[in-house]
Amino acid sequence: MPVQPDLEAVRRKQAQLEAAYSAWIAEKAKYEILAFADQDDIVCHYPDGHTEVVYAAEKS
C-alpha cells in the first residue's frame, strides 16, 4: 500500500522553496546578467535595469 504524502507539509515546503528562490534571483540580478523566456522571446535583464531581446521568436 503506497504511503500518501502529507499535502500540507508539501505545500509549506513549496512555499519556503519559492521564497528562497525569489530571494536568490533578486540578489543574483543585482550583479549578473540573467536571461529569461518572455512570451517565447529570450530577454536578458542587466543589473542596471535595462533589458535586451537576444532572440525574438517568430510570430505567426
PDB file of N, CA and C in Angstrom:
ATOM      1  N   MET A   1       0.847  -1.179   0.000  1.00  0.00           N
ATOM      2  CA  MET A   1       0.000   0.000   0.000  1.00  0.00           C
ATOM      3  C   MET A   1       0.898   1.249   0.000  1.00  0.00           C
ATOM      4  N   PRO A   2       0.747   2.146  -1.009  1.00  0.00           N
ATOM      5  CA  PRO A   2       1.592   3.342  -1.073  1.00  0.00           C
ATOM      6  C   PRO A   2       1.254   4.320   0.057  1.00  0.00           C
ATOM      7  N   VAL A   3       2.286   5.008   0.508  1.00  0.00           N
ATOM      8  CA  VAL A   3       2.120   5.987   1.576  1.00  0.00           C
ATOM      9  C   VAL A   3       1.752   7.335   0.953  1.00  0.00           C
ATOM     10  N   GLN A   4       0.692   7.955   1.454  1.00  0.00           N
ATOM     11  CA  GLN A   4       0.263   9.262   0.961  1.00  0.00           C
ATOM     12  C   GLN A   4       1.121  10.355   1.608  1.00  0.00           C
ATOM     13  N   PRO A   5       1.613  11.292   0.829  1.00  0.00           N
ATOM     14  CA  PRO A   5       2.402  12.388   1.421  1.00  0.00           C
ATOM     15  C   PRO A   5       1.486  13.332   2.195  1.00  0.00           C
ATOM     16  N   ASP A   6       2.060  13.980   3.178  1.00  0.00           N
ATOM     17  CA  ASP A   6       1.332  14.997   3.933  1.00  0.00           C
ATOM     18  C   ASP A   6       1.250  16.238   3.039  1.00  0.00           C
ATOM     19  N   LEU A   7       0.104  16.463   2.410  1.00  0.00           N
ATOM     20  CA  LEU A   7      -0.028  17.543   1.428  1.00  0.00           C
ATOM     21  C   LEU A   7       0.223  18.917   2.035  1.00  0.00           C
ATOM     22  N   GLU A   8      -0.177  19.118   3.273  1.00  0.00           N
ATOM     23  CA  GLU A   8       0.062  20.419   3.907  1.00  0.00           C
ATOM     24  C   GLU A   8       1.558  20.662   4.097  1.00  0.00           C
ATOM     25  N   ALA A   9       2.298  19.620   4.461  1.00  0.00           N
ATOM     26  CA  ALA A   9       3.753  19.749   4.610  1.00  0.00           C
ATOM     27  C   ALA A   9       4.400  20.030   3.260  1.00  0.00           C
ATOM     28  N   VAL A  10       3.914  19.395   2.218  1.00  0.00           N
ATOM     29  CA  VAL A  10       4.439  19.624   0.867  1.00  0.00           C
ATOM     30  C   VAL A  10       4.171  21.073   0.449  1.00  0.00           C
ATOM     31  N   ARG A  11       2.982  21.570   0.729  1.00  0.00           N
ATOM     32  CA  ARG A  11       2.663  22.969   0.381  1.00  0.00           C
ATOM     33  C   ARG A  11       3.536  23.960   1.148  1.00  0.00           C
ATOM     34  N   ARG A  12       3.775  23.688   2.434  1.00  0.00           N
ATOM     35  CA  ARG A  12       4.643  24.571   3.229  1.00  0.00           C
ATOM     36  C   ARG A  12       6.062  24.567   2.666  1.00  0.00           C
ATOM     37  N   LYS A  13       6.564  23.385   2.337  1.00  0.00           N
ATOM     38  CA  LYS A  13       7.916  23.276   1.782  1.00  0.00           C
ATOM     39  C   LYS A  13       8.007  23.986   0.435  1.00  0.00           C
ATOM     40  N   GLN A  14       6.966  23.846  -0.392  1.00  0.00           N
ATOM     41  CA  GLN A  14       6.952  24.521  -1.683  1.00  0.00           C
ATOM     42  C   GLN A  14       6.983  26.034  -1.495  1.00  0.00           C
ATOM     43  N   ALA A  15       6.224  26.546  -0.551  1.00  0.00           N
ATOM     44  CA  ALA A  15       6.220  27.991  -0.284  1.00  0.00           C
ATOM     45  C   ALA A  15       7.593  28.456   0.191  1.00  0.00           C
ATOM     46  N   GLN A  16       8.251  27.668   1.039  1.00  0.00           N
ATOM     47  CA  GLN A  16       9.599  28.010   1.505  1.00  0.00           C
ATOM     48  C   GLN A  16      10.586  28.039   0.345  1.00  0.00           C
ATOM     49  N   LEU A  17      10.503  27.040  -0.516  1.00  0.00           N
ATOM     50  CA  LEU A  17      11.416  26.975  -1.659  1.00  0.00           C
ATOM     51  C   LEU A  17      11.188  28.115  -2.639  1.00  0.00           C
ATOM     52  N   GLU A  18       9.929  28.464  -2.884  1.00  0.00           N
ATOM     53  CA  GLU A  18       9.617  29.584  -3.784  1.00  0.00           C
ATOM     54  C   GLU A  18      10.150  30.891  -3.221  1.00  0.00           C
ATOM     55  N   ALA A  19      10.020  31.103  -1.911  1.00  0.00           N
ATOM     56  CA  ALA A  19      10.535  32.324  -1.280  1.00  0.00           C
ATOM     57  C   ALA A  19      12.063  32.374  -1.368  1.00  0.00           C
ATOM     58  N   ALA A  20      12.715  31.246  -1.104  1.00  0.00           N
ATOM     59  CA  ALA A  20      14.174  31.199  -1.180  1.00  0.00           C
ATOM     60  C   ALA A  20      14.655  31.445  -2.608  1.00  0.00           C
ATOM     61  N   TYR A  21      13.975  30.870  -3.590  1.00  0.00           N
ATOM     62  CA  TYR A  21      14.343  31.065  -4.990  1.00  0.00           C
ATOM     63  C   TYR A  21      14.172  32.527  -5.400  1.00  0.00           C
ATOM     64  N   SER A  22      13.068  33.129  -5.004  1.00  0.00           N
ATOM     65  CA  SER A  22      12.831  34.541  -5.342  1.00  0.00           C
ATOM     66  C   SER A  22      13.906  35.437  -4.744  1.00  0.00           C
ATOM     67  N   ALA A  23      14.272  35.177  -3.499  1.00  0.00           N
ATOM     68  CA  ALA A  23      15.320  35.970  -2.853  1.00  0.00           C
ATOM     69  C   ALA A  23      16.663  35.758  -3.546  1.00  0.00           C
ATOM     70  N   TRP A  24      16.954  34.529  -3.928  1.00  0.00           N
ATOM     71  CA  TRP A  24      18.210  34.218  -4.601  1.00  0.00           C
ATOM     72  C   TRP A  24      18.287  34.921  -5.956  1.00  0.00           C
ATOM     73  N   ILE A  25      17.200  34.863  -6.724  1.00  0.00           N
ATOM     74  CA  ILE A  25      17.173  35.522  -8.040  1.00  0.00           C
ATOM     75  C   ILE A  25      17.300  37.036  -7.878  1.00  0.00           C
ATOM     76  N   ALA A  26      16.634  37.620  -6.897  1.00  0.00           N
ATOM     77  CA  ALA A  26      16.716  39.063  -6.673  1.00  0.00           C
ATOM     78  C   ALA A  26      18.153  39.480  -6.347  1.00  0.00           C
ATOM     79  N   GLU A  27      18.833  38.701  -5.519  1.00  0.00           N
ATOM     80  CA  GLU A  27      20.219  39.009  -5.174  1.00  0.00           C
ATOM     81  C   GLU A  27      21.130  38.815  -6.393  1.00  0.00           C
ATOM     82  N   LYS A  28      20.918  37.744  -7.131  1.00  0.00           N
ATOM     83  CA  LYS A  28      21.723  37.455  -8.325  1.00  0.00           C
ATOM     84  C   LYS A  28      21.548  38.558  -9.376  1.00  0.00           C
ATOM     85  N   ALA A  29      20.338  39.080  -9.511  1.00  0.00           N
ATOM     86  CA  ALA A  29      20.050  40.105 -10.514  1.00  0.00           C
ATOM     87  C   ALA A  29      20.780  41.414 -10.238  1.00  0.00           C
ATOM     88  N   LYS A  30      21.236  41.618  -9.021  1.00  0.00           N
ATOM     89  CA  LYS A  30      21.975  42.840  -8.686  1.00  0.00           C
ATOM     90  C   LYS A  30      23.360  42.859  -9.330  1.00  0.00           C
ATOM     91  N   TYR A  31      23.911  41.674  -9.613  1.00  0.00           N
ATOM     92  CA  TYR A  31      25.303  41.593 -10.046  1.00  0.00           C
ATOM     93  C   TYR A  31      25.529  40.861 -11.364  1.00  0.00           C
ATOM     94  N   GLU A  32      24.525  40.138 -11.839  1.00  0.00           N
ATOM     95  CA  GLU A  32      24.728  39.302 -13.013  1.00  0.00           C
ATOM     96  C   GLU A  32      23.655  39.563 -14.068  1.00  0.00           C
ATOM     97  N   ILE A  33      23.991  39.232 -15.295  1.00  0.00           N
ATOM     98  CA  ILE A  33      23.024  39.303 -16.389  1.00  0.00           C
ATOM     99  C   ILE A  33      22.214  38.011 -16.364  1.00  0.00           C
ATOM    100  N   LEU A  34      20.901  38.147 -16.344  1.00  0.00           N
ATOM    101  CA  LEU A  34      20.013  36.989 -16.316  1.00  0.00           C
ATOM    102  C   LEU A  34      19.214  36.943 -17.601  1.00  0.00           C
ATOM    103  N   ALA A  35      19.001  35.756 -18.120  1.00  0.00           N
ATOM    104  CA  ALA A  35      18.206  35.590 -19.336  1.00  0.00           C
ATOM    105  C   ALA A  35      16.978  34.749 -19.015  1.00  0.00           C
ATOM    106  N   PHE A  36      15.826  35.217 -19.470  1.00  0.00           N
ATOM    107  CA  PHE A  36      14.564  34.530 -19.238  1.00  0.00           C
ATOM    108  C   PHE A  36      13.769  34.473 -20.526  1.00  0.00           C
ATOM    109  N   ALA A  37      12.904  33.491 -20.610  1.00  0.00           N
ATOM    110  CA  ALA A  37      11.946  33.426 -21.714  1.00  0.00           C
ATOM    111  C   ALA A  37      10.778  34.347 -21.349  1.00  0.00           C
ATOM    112  N   ASP A  38      10.416  35.218 -22.278  1.00  0.00           N
ATOM    113  CA  ASP A  38       9.310  36.146 -22.063  1.00  0.00           C
ATOM    114  C   ASP A  38       8.426  36.099 -23.303  1.00  0.00           C
ATOM    115  N   GLN A  39       7.321  35.390 -23.217  1.00  0.00           N
ATOM    116  CA  GLN A  39       6.401  35.213 -24.338  1.00  0.00           C
ATOM    117  C   GLN A  39       7.153  34.733 -25.582  1.00  0.00           C
ATOM    118  N   ASP A  40       7.915  33.681 -25.411  1.00  0.00           N
ATOM    119  CA  ASP A  40       8.683  33.000 -26.458  1.00  0.00           C
ATOM    120  C   ASP A  40       9.922  33.755 -26.921  1.00  0.00           C
ATOM    121  N   ASP A  41      10.154  34.969 -26.453  1.00  0.00           N
ATOM    122  CA  ASP A  41      11.394  35.682 -26.733  1.00  0.00           C
ATOM    123  C   ASP A  41      12.384  35.372 -25.611  1.00  0.00           C
ATOM    124  N   ILE A  42      13.680  35.449 -25.900  1.00  0.00           N
ATOM    125  CA  ILE A  42      14.692  35.327 -24.865  1.00  0.00           C
ATOM    126  C   ILE A  42      15.164  36.746 -24.560  1.00  0.00           C
ATOM    127  N   VAL A  43      15.037  37.142 -23.290  1.00  0.00           N
ATOM    128  CA  VAL A  43      15.329  38.507 -22.886  1.00  0.00           C
ATOM    129  C   VAL A  43      16.407  38.498 -21.807  1.00  0.00           C
ATOM    130  N   CYS A  44      17.450  39.302 -22.007  1.00  0.00           N
ATOM    131  CA  CYS A  44      18.491  39.480 -20.996  1.00  0.00           C
ATOM    132  C   CYS A  44      18.117  40.666 -20.120  1.00  0.00           C
ATOM    133  N   HIS A  45      18.243  40.465 -18.814  1.00  0.00           N
ATOM    134  CA  HIS A  45      17.984  41.513 -17.831  1.00  0.00           C
ATOM    135  C   HIS A  45      19.321  41.880 -17.204  1.00  0.00           C
ATOM    136  N   TYR A  46      19.707  43.148 -17.321  1.00  0.00           N
ATOM    137  CA  TYR A  46      21.002  43.603 -16.844  1.00  0.00           C
ATOM    138  C   TYR A  46      20.871  44.233 -15.463  1.00  0.00           C
ATOM    139  N   PRO A  47      21.974  44.212 -14.669  1.00  0.00           N
ATOM    140  CA  PRO A  47      21.920  44.759 -13.313  1.00  0.00           C
ATOM    141  C   PRO A  47      21.522  46.243 -13.249  1.00  0.00           C
ATOM    142  N   ASP A  48      21.797  47.000 -14.312  1.00  0.00           N
ATOM    143  CA  ASP A  48      21.436  48.422 -14.291  1.00  0.00           C
ATOM    144  C   ASP A  48      19.968  48.656 -14.623  1.00  0.00           C
ATOM    145  N   GLY A  49      19.223  47.582 -14.912  1.00  0.00           N
ATOM    146  CA  GLY A  49      17.789  47.714 -15.118  1.00  0.00           C
ATOM    147  C   GLY A  49      17.316  47.610 -16.555  1.00  0.00           C
ATOM    148  N   HIS A  50      18.221  47.738 -17.515  1.00  0.00           N
ATOM    149  CA  HIS A  50      17.743  47.657 -18.901  1.00  0.00           C
ATOM    150  C   HIS A  50      17.634  46.202 -19.343  1.00  0.00           C
ATOM    151  N   THR A  51      16.825  45.994 -20.358  1.00  0.00           N
ATOM    152  CA  THR A  51      16.622  44.662 -20.908  1.00  0.00           C
ATOM    153  C   THR A  51      16.947  44.680 -22.387  1.00  0.00           C
ATOM    154  N   GLU A  52      17.270  43.507 -22.901  1.00  0.00           N
ATOM    155  CA  GLU A  52      17.599  43.382 -24.320  1.00  0.00           C
ATOM    156  C   GLU A  52      17.047  42.044 -24.812  1.00  0.00           C
ATOM    157  N   VAL A  53      16.312  42.085 -25.903  1.00  0.00           N
ATOM    158  CA  VAL A  53      15.817  40.856 -26.516  1.00  0.00           C
ATOM    159  C   VAL A  53      16.968  40.270 -27.325  1.00  0.00           C
ATOM    160  N   VAL A  54      17.406  39.077 -26.953  1.00  0.00           N
ATOM    161  CA  VAL A  54      18.527  38.446 -27.656  1.00  0.00           C
ATOM    162  C   VAL A  54      18.028  37.444 -28.686  1.00  0.00           C
ATOM    163  N   TYR A  55      16.791  37.008 -28.550  1.00  0.00           N
ATOM    164  CA  TYR A  55      16.177  36.136 -29.557  1.00  0.00           C
ATOM    165  C   TYR A  55      14.699  36.460 -29.615  1.00  0.00           C
ATOM    166  N   ALA A  56      14.251  36.905 -30.770  1.00  0.00           N
ATOM    167  CA  ALA A  56      12.843  37.210 -30.963  1.00  0.00           C
ATOM    168  C   ALA A  56      12.187  36.038 -31.684  1.00  0.00           C
ATOM    169  N   ALA A  57      11.214  35.446 -31.036  1.00  0.00           N
ATOM    170  CA  ALA A  57      10.511  34.318 -31.628  1.00  0.00           C
ATOM    171  C   ALA A  57       9.692  34.782 -32.828  1.00  0.00           C
ATOM    172  N   GLU A  58       9.576  33.895 -33.791  1.00  0.00           N
ATOM    173  CA  GLU A  58       8.760  34.218 -34.960  1.00  0.00           C
ATOM    174  C   GLU A  58       7.302  34.242 -34.557  1.00  0.00           C
ATOM    175  N   LYS A  59       6.621  35.311 -34.898  1.00  0.00           N
ATOM    176  CA  LYS A  59       5.199  35.456 -34.586  1.00  0.00           C
ATOM    177  C   LYS A  59       4.399  35.015 -35.814  1.00  0.00           C
ATOM    178  N   SER A  60       3.490  34.100 -35.617  1.00  0.00           N
ATOM    179  CA  SER A  60       2.700  33.628 -36.767  1.00  0.00           C
ATOM    180  C   SER A  60       1.273  34.072 -36.666  1.00  0.00           C
TER     181      SER A  60
END
